[in-house]
Amino acid sequence: MSSKWPYSADVKLPIPANFSFASPSDSDWRPDASGFWEERDLGLHAASGGVIGATILRPAPTRSSGEIHQAQNGDWSFLLVLGGAIRIEEGGGAQTGVLNRLDAVYIPPGARYGMTPLDGLRLLRFTAPGSVLRAADSAAPRGLGYFRDSPAAYTSDGPRAYISYRTFGVRELTQGRLNIQISRSRGKPMPEGGTGWHTHEMTEWFMVLSGAGRLIVKSGGDFLLRPGDAMTIGPDTPHNQLSADDDYAEFDVCIPADYATASAQEPRYPQVAFART
């Protein structure tokens, strides 16, 4: 992982990124550097040139039961519980209780903590250089930040009227360098023709959490998205989401947090369809 965010504190731009798509069948589980976990790569590290990354974690089968003691390096991490549960204890014995599905925690650089996996744990881990935090180190939070999932955590305050959004304070934490949210269908129909072809002045990465949807990306392909599928879309890349199930939800990372969106012309050439067996 890169040790430094690529821009100075007052610059909020998308990071350069290539298109990527990863599905559960495309990636093998492998031991991570700590030896406590197995991880499945979600394509973001390669797509971003190593600046940021995202993986799915599960406890390594060779690990003995009990607490995993970890010390965060210079990176900043955000963990979302995808399945099972986990107990986290910060340095000094500050017990936080148990985090369940769709609960989340962010871990600042230098943090020391213990983690006890429970009940078939699966975690989504997003990682960025610690310098993505606020410019003044004295102002950046030192402890772990926790977020419980609940219906009240979702709001309709966002760009799409048929989507509810759950944010985690990352926009404020990073002074707008990036935003992390969960976007989920409100059960309302999408417009005819989907979102329409459009571009964003940001780098976007997402992973599907539930439901299915269809997305076409210029020079990328025509994708039927299912849970576990992950995609990187670079800035100014035309795309169109044609459909989404009533229970569709995805985990989104937007760089920067605030960005412009513009309409785009529909490509004139056939898209290559992604075939799922």
Foldseek 3Di string as FASTA:
>chain_A
DDQADPDDLVDFAAQQFDKDKDFPVRWDWDQDPVNQWTWTFQPGCVRRVNQKGKIKIDGDPPDDADKDKDWAAQKKKKKAWLAAKKWKAWPPGRTDDIAGHGKMKIAAHGTIMIMGTGDGTMMMMIMHHNNLFHVDPVPADHGMDIGHDDPVQWDCPDDDNQKIKGWDCVCVRRVQQKTKIKIWGPQDFAPQQAPAKKFKRWKKKKFKSAWWWWKQWVVPFIETHHHRMMIIDGGPTIMGTRGTDNGTMMIMMIGGHDIDMGHDDDDPDDGHHDDDD
